[in-house]
Amino acid sequence: MCDCGSSRTPDAGPFASGRALVEFVLHAHGGSVAVAELPDGGLKQTCQGCGTAFVLKTFVQSCPACGGVHAVSPPRVNDPDAVQYAGKDFTLQQAA
Protein backbone atom coordinates (compact mmCIF):
# COMPACT_ATOMS: atom_id res chain seq x y z
CA MET A 1 0.00 0.00 0.00
CA CYS A 2 1.13 3.56 -0.74
CA ASP A 3 2.53 5.55 2.18
CA CYS A 4 2.42 8.97 0.46
CA GLY A 5 -0.54 10.16 2.53
CA SER A 6 1.28 9.45 5.76
CA SER A 7 1.84 12.22 8.24
CA ARG A 8 4.51 10.35 10.18
CA THR A 9 7.04 13.05 9.38
CA PRO A 10 5.77 16.58 10.01
CA ASP A 11 6.29 19.03 7.13
CA ALA A 12 7.21 16.18 4.78
CA GLY A 13 5.53 14.31 1.96
CA PRO A 14 2.19 15.72 0.83
CA PHE A 15 2.21 18.31 3.62
CA ALA A 16 5.69 19.71 2.91
CA SER A 17 6.11 23.26 1.70
CA GLY A 18 7.98 25.02 -1.07
CA ARG A 19 10.50 23.09 -3.12
CA ALA A 20 10.20 19.98 -0.90
CA LEU A 21 6.51 19.64 -1.78
CA VAL A 22 7.14 20.22 -5.49
CA GLU A 23 9.87 17.55 -5.54
CA PHE A 24 7.70 15.13 -3.55
CA VAL A 25 4.75 15.44 -5.97
CA LEU A 26 7.06 15.42 -9.00
CA HIS A 27 8.41 11.98 -8.02
CA ALA A 28 5.30 10.46 -6.40
CA HIS A 29 4.29 7.15 -7.95
CA GLY A 30 7.08 7.29 -10.52
CA GLY A 31 6.01 10.71 -11.78
CA SER A 32 2.46 9.74 -12.67
CA VAL A 33 0.91 12.06 -10.10
CA ALA A 34 2.75 15.11 -11.44
CA VAL A 35 1.13 14.91 -14.87
CA ALA A 36 -2.35 13.90 -13.70
CA GLU A 37 -5.07 16.48 -14.28
CA LEU A 38 -6.62 18.26 -11.32
CA PRO A 39 -10.35 17.83 -10.78
CA ASP A 40 -12.84 20.53 -11.80
CA GLY A 41 -10.54 22.09 -14.40
CA GLY A 42 -7.75 23.02 -11.99
CA LEU A 43 -6.98 25.76 -9.49
CA LYS A 44 -6.79 29.47 -10.30
CA GLN A 45 -3.39 30.72 -9.23
CA THR A 46 -1.10 33.70 -9.27
CA CYS A 47 2.50 32.75 -9.99
CA GLN A 48 4.51 33.06 -6.80
CA GLY A 49 7.52 34.03 -8.91
CA CYS A 50 6.29 36.68 -11.36
CA GLY A 51 2.68 37.39 -10.38
CA THR A 52 1.07 36.16 -13.60
CA ALA A 53 -2.41 34.64 -13.28
CA PHE A 54 -2.79 31.10 -14.60
CA VAL A 55 -4.72 27.88 -13.97
CA LEU A 56 -2.82 24.99 -12.39
CA LYS A 57 -4.22 22.10 -14.45
CA THR A 58 -1.90 19.29 -13.33
CA PHE A 59 -0.38 18.47 -9.95
CA VAL A 60 2.97 19.94 -11.07
CA GLN A 61 3.04 22.73 -13.63
CA SER A 62 5.22 25.62 -14.76
CA CYS A 63 3.98 29.18 -14.98
CA PRO A 64 3.35 29.96 -18.66
CA ALA A 65 5.07 33.36 -18.31
CA CYS A 66 8.24 32.73 -16.30
CA GLY A 67 8.51 28.94 -15.99
CA GLY A 68 8.23 28.98 -12.19
CA VAL A 69 7.24 25.51 -10.98
CA HIS A 70 4.18 25.10 -8.76
CA ALA A 71 2.58 21.98 -7.27
CA VAL A 72 -0.24 20.79 -5.07
CA SER A 73 -0.49 17.39 -3.41
CA PRO A 74 -3.50 15.07 -3.84
CA PRO A 75 -4.71 15.38 -0.22
CA ARG A 76 -4.89 19.17 -0.66
CA VAL A 77 -6.08 19.34 -4.27
CA ASN A 78 -9.13 21.48 -3.49
CA ASP A 79 -7.19 24.14 -1.57
CA PRO A 80 -5.73 26.92 -3.74
CA ASP A 81 -3.72 28.10 -0.72
CA ALA A 82 -1.92 24.73 -0.61
CA VAL A 83 -0.20 25.30 -3.97
CA GLN A 84 3.54 25.57 -3.39
CA TYR A 85 6.30 27.23 -5.42
CA ALA A 86 9.69 25.57 -5.90
CA GLY A 87 11.64 28.83 -6.15
CA LYS A 88 13.02 30.78 -9.09
CA ASP A 89 16.05 28.51 -9.51
CA PHE A 90 13.99 25.31 -9.99
CA THR A 91 13.04 24.16 -13.50
CA LEU A 92 11.30 21.12 -14.91
CA GLN A 93 13.44 18.92 -17.11
CA GLN A 94 12.05 18.64 -20.62
CA ALA A 95 11.52 15.15 -22.04
CA ALA A 96 14.08 14.21 -24.66
C-alpha atoms as a PDB file:
ATOM      1  CA  MET A   1       0.000   0.000   0.000  1.00  0.00           C
ATOM      2  CA  CYS A   2       1.128   3.558  -0.737  1.00  0.00           C
ATOM      3  CA  ASP A   3       2.533   5.555   2.175  1.00  0.00           C
ATOM      4  CA  CYS A   4       2.416   8.968   0.463  1.00  0.00           C
ATOM      5  CA  GLY A   5      -0.542  10.164   2.533  1.00  0.00           C
ATOM      6  CA  SER A   6       1.282   9.448   5.763  1.00  0.00           C
ATOM      7  CA  SER A   7       1.837  12.217   8.244  1.00  0.00           C
ATOM      8  CA  ARG A   8       4.508  10.348  10.183  1.00  0.00           C
ATOM      9  CA  THR A   9       7.044  13.048   9.383  1.00  0.00           C
ATOM     10  CA  PRO A  10       5.767  16.582  10.009  1.00  0.00           C
ATOM     11  CA  ASP A  11       6.290  19.034   7.129  1.00  0.00           C
ATOM     12  CA  ALA A  12       7.211  16.183   4.778  1.00  0.00           C
ATOM     13  CA  GLY A  13       5.535  14.312   1.961  1.00  0.00           C
ATOM     14  CA  PRO A  14       2.188  15.724   0.826  1.00  0.00           C
ATOM     15  CA  PHE A  15       2.210  18.307   3.620  1.00  0.00           C
ATOM     16  CA  ALA A  16       5.687  19.709   2.910  1.00  0.00           C
ATOM     17  CA  SER A  17       6.114  23.265   1.704  1.00  0.00           C
ATOM     18  CA  GLY A  18       7.982  25.015  -1.075  1.00  0.00           C
ATOM     19  CA  ARG A  19      10.500  23.088  -3.120  1.00  0.00           C
ATOM     20  CA  ALA A  20      10.196  19.980  -0.903  1.00  0.00           C
ATOM     21  CA  LEU A  21       6.508  19.637  -1.778  1.00  0.00           C
ATOM     22  CA  VAL A  22       7.140  20.219  -5.485  1.00  0.00           C
ATOM     23  CA  GLU A  23       9.870  17.547  -5.536  1.00  0.00           C
ATOM     24  CA  PHE A  24       7.698  15.131  -3.552  1.00  0.00           C
ATOM     25  CA  VAL A  25       4.752  15.437  -5.970  1.00  0.00           C
ATOM     26  CA  LEU A  26       7.057  15.417  -8.998  1.00  0.00           C
ATOM     27  CA  HIS A  27       8.415  11.983  -8.016  1.00  0.00           C
ATOM     28  CA  ALA A  28       5.297  10.456  -6.398  1.00  0.00           C
ATOM     29  CA  HIS A  29       4.293   7.147  -7.953  1.00  0.00           C
ATOM     30  CA  GLY A  30       7.079   7.291 -10.519  1.00  0.00           C
ATOM     31  CA  GLY A  31       6.013  10.710 -11.779  1.00  0.00           C
ATOM     32  CA  SER A  32       2.459   9.737 -12.670  1.00  0.00           C
ATOM     33  CA  VAL A  33       0.905  12.060 -10.098  1.00  0.00           C
ATOM     34  CA  ALA A  34       2.749  15.111 -11.436  1.00  0.00           C
ATOM     35  CA  VAL A  35       1.134  14.914 -14.871  1.00  0.00           C
ATOM     36  CA  ALA A  36      -2.348  13.901 -13.699  1.00  0.00           C
ATOM     37  CA  GLU A  37      -5.068  16.483 -14.285  1.00  0.00           C
ATOM     38  CA  LEU A  38      -6.620  18.263 -11.324  1.00  0.00           C
ATOM     39  CA  PRO A  39     -10.354  17.829 -10.782  1.00  0.00           C
ATOM     40  CA  ASP A  40     -12.838  20.527 -11.801  1.00  0.00           C
ATOM     41  CA  GLY A  41     -10.541  22.088 -14.395  1.00  0.00           C
ATOM     42  CA  GLY A  42      -7.749  23.018 -11.988  1.00  0.00           C
ATOM     43  CA  LEU A  43      -6.975  25.763  -9.487  1.00  0.00           C
ATOM     44  CA  LYS A  44      -6.786  29.472 -10.297  1.00  0.00           C
ATOM     45  CA  GLN A  45      -3.385  30.722  -9.227  1.00  0.00           C
ATOM     46  CA  THR A  46      -1.098  33.702  -9.271  1.00  0.00           C
ATOM     47  CA  CYS A  47       2.502  32.747  -9.986  1.00  0.00           C
ATOM     48  CA  GLN A  48       4.509  33.061  -6.803  1.00  0.00           C
ATOM     49  CA  GLY A  49       7.523  34.028  -8.906  1.00  0.00           C
ATOM     50  CA  CYS A  50       6.290  36.677 -11.357  1.00  0.00           C
ATOM     51  CA  GLY A  51       2.682  37.386 -10.376  1.00  0.00           C
ATOM     52  CA  THR A  52       1.072  36.163 -13.596  1.00  0.00           C
ATOM     53  CA  ALA A  53      -2.413  34.642 -13.276  1.00  0.00           C
ATOM     54  CA  PHE A  54      -2.786  31.095 -14.598  1.00  0.00           C
ATOM     55  CA  VAL A  55      -4.724  27.883 -13.966  1.00  0.00           C
ATOM     56  CA  LEU A  56      -2.824  24.986 -12.386  1.00  0.00           C
ATOM     57  CA  LYS A  57      -4.218  22.100 -14.451  1.00  0.00           C
ATOM     58  CA  THR A  58      -1.901  19.285 -13.333  1.00  0.00           C
ATOM     59  CA  PHE A  59      -0.379  18.470  -9.948  1.00  0.00           C
ATOM     60  CA  VAL A  60       2.969  19.944 -11.069  1.00  0.00           C
ATOM     61  CA  GLN A  61       3.044  22.725 -13.627  1.00  0.00           C
ATOM     62  CA  SER A  62       5.221  25.615 -14.761  1.00  0.00           C
ATOM     63  CA  CYS A  63       3.981  29.183 -14.981  1.00  0.00           C
ATOM     64  CA  PRO A  64       3.355  29.962 -18.664  1.00  0.00           C
ATOM     65  CA  ALA A  65       5.070  33.361 -18.307  1.00  0.00           C
ATOM     66  CA  CYS A  66       8.240  32.732 -16.300  1.00  0.00           C
ATOM     67  CA  GLY A  67       8.514  28.936 -15.987  1.00  0.00           C
ATOM     68  CA  GLY A  68       8.234  28.984 -12.186  1.00  0.00           C
ATOM     69  CA  VAL A  69       7.238  25.509 -10.982  1.00  0.00           C
ATOM     70  CA  HIS A  70       4.175  25.097  -8.763  1.00  0.00           C
ATOM     71  CA  ALA A  71       2.579  21.984  -7.266  1.00  0.00           C
ATOM     72  CA  VAL A  72      -0.243  20.794  -5.072  1.00  0.00           C
ATOM     73  CA  SER A  73      -0.492  17.390  -3.409  1.00  0.00           C
ATOM     74  CA  PRO A  74      -3.496  15.068  -3.837  1.00  0.00           C
ATOM     75  CA  PRO A  75      -4.707  15.377  -0.223  1.00  0.00           C
ATOM     76  CA  ARG A  76      -4.888  19.168  -0.663  1.00  0.00           C
ATOM     77  CA  VAL A  77      -6.077  19.338  -4.271  1.00  0.00           C
ATOM     78  CA  ASN A  78      -9.127  21.478  -3.486  1.00  0.00           C
ATOM     79  CA  ASP A  79      -7.189  24.139  -1.567  1.00  0.00           C
ATOM     80  CA  PRO A  80      -5.726  26.917  -3.741  1.00  0.00           C
ATOM     81  CA  ASP A  81      -3.719  28.100  -0.724  1.00  0.00           C
ATOM     82  CA  ALA A  82      -1.923  24.725  -0.614  1.00  0.00           C
ATOM     83  CA  VAL A  83      -0.196  25.298  -3.973  1.00  0.00           C
ATOM     84  CA  GLN A  84       3.540  25.569  -3.395  1.00  0.00           C
ATOM     85  CA  TYR A  85       6.302  27.234  -5.425  1.00  0.00           C
ATOM     86  CA  ALA A  86       9.689  25.573  -5.899  1.00  0.00           C
ATOM     87  CA  GLY A  87      11.643  28.827  -6.148  1.00  0.00           C
ATOM     88  CA  LYS A  88      13.017  30.779  -9.087  1.00  0.00           C
ATOM     89  CA  ASP A  89      16.055  28.509  -9.512  1.00  0.00           C
ATOM     90  CA  PHE A  90      13.992  25.308  -9.987  1.00  0.00           C
ATOM     91  CA  THR A  91      13.042  24.160 -13.504  1.00  0.00           C
ATOM     92  CA  LEU A  92      11.305  21.121 -14.906  1.00  0.00           C
ATOM     93  CA  GLN A  93      13.443  18.922 -17.115  1.00  0.00           C
ATOM     94  CA  GLN A  94      12.050  18.642 -20.623  1.00  0.00           C
ATOM     95  CA  ALA A  95      11.521  15.151 -22.041  1.00  0.00           C
ATOM     96  CA  ALA A  96      14.084  14.206 -24.664  1.00  0.00           C
END
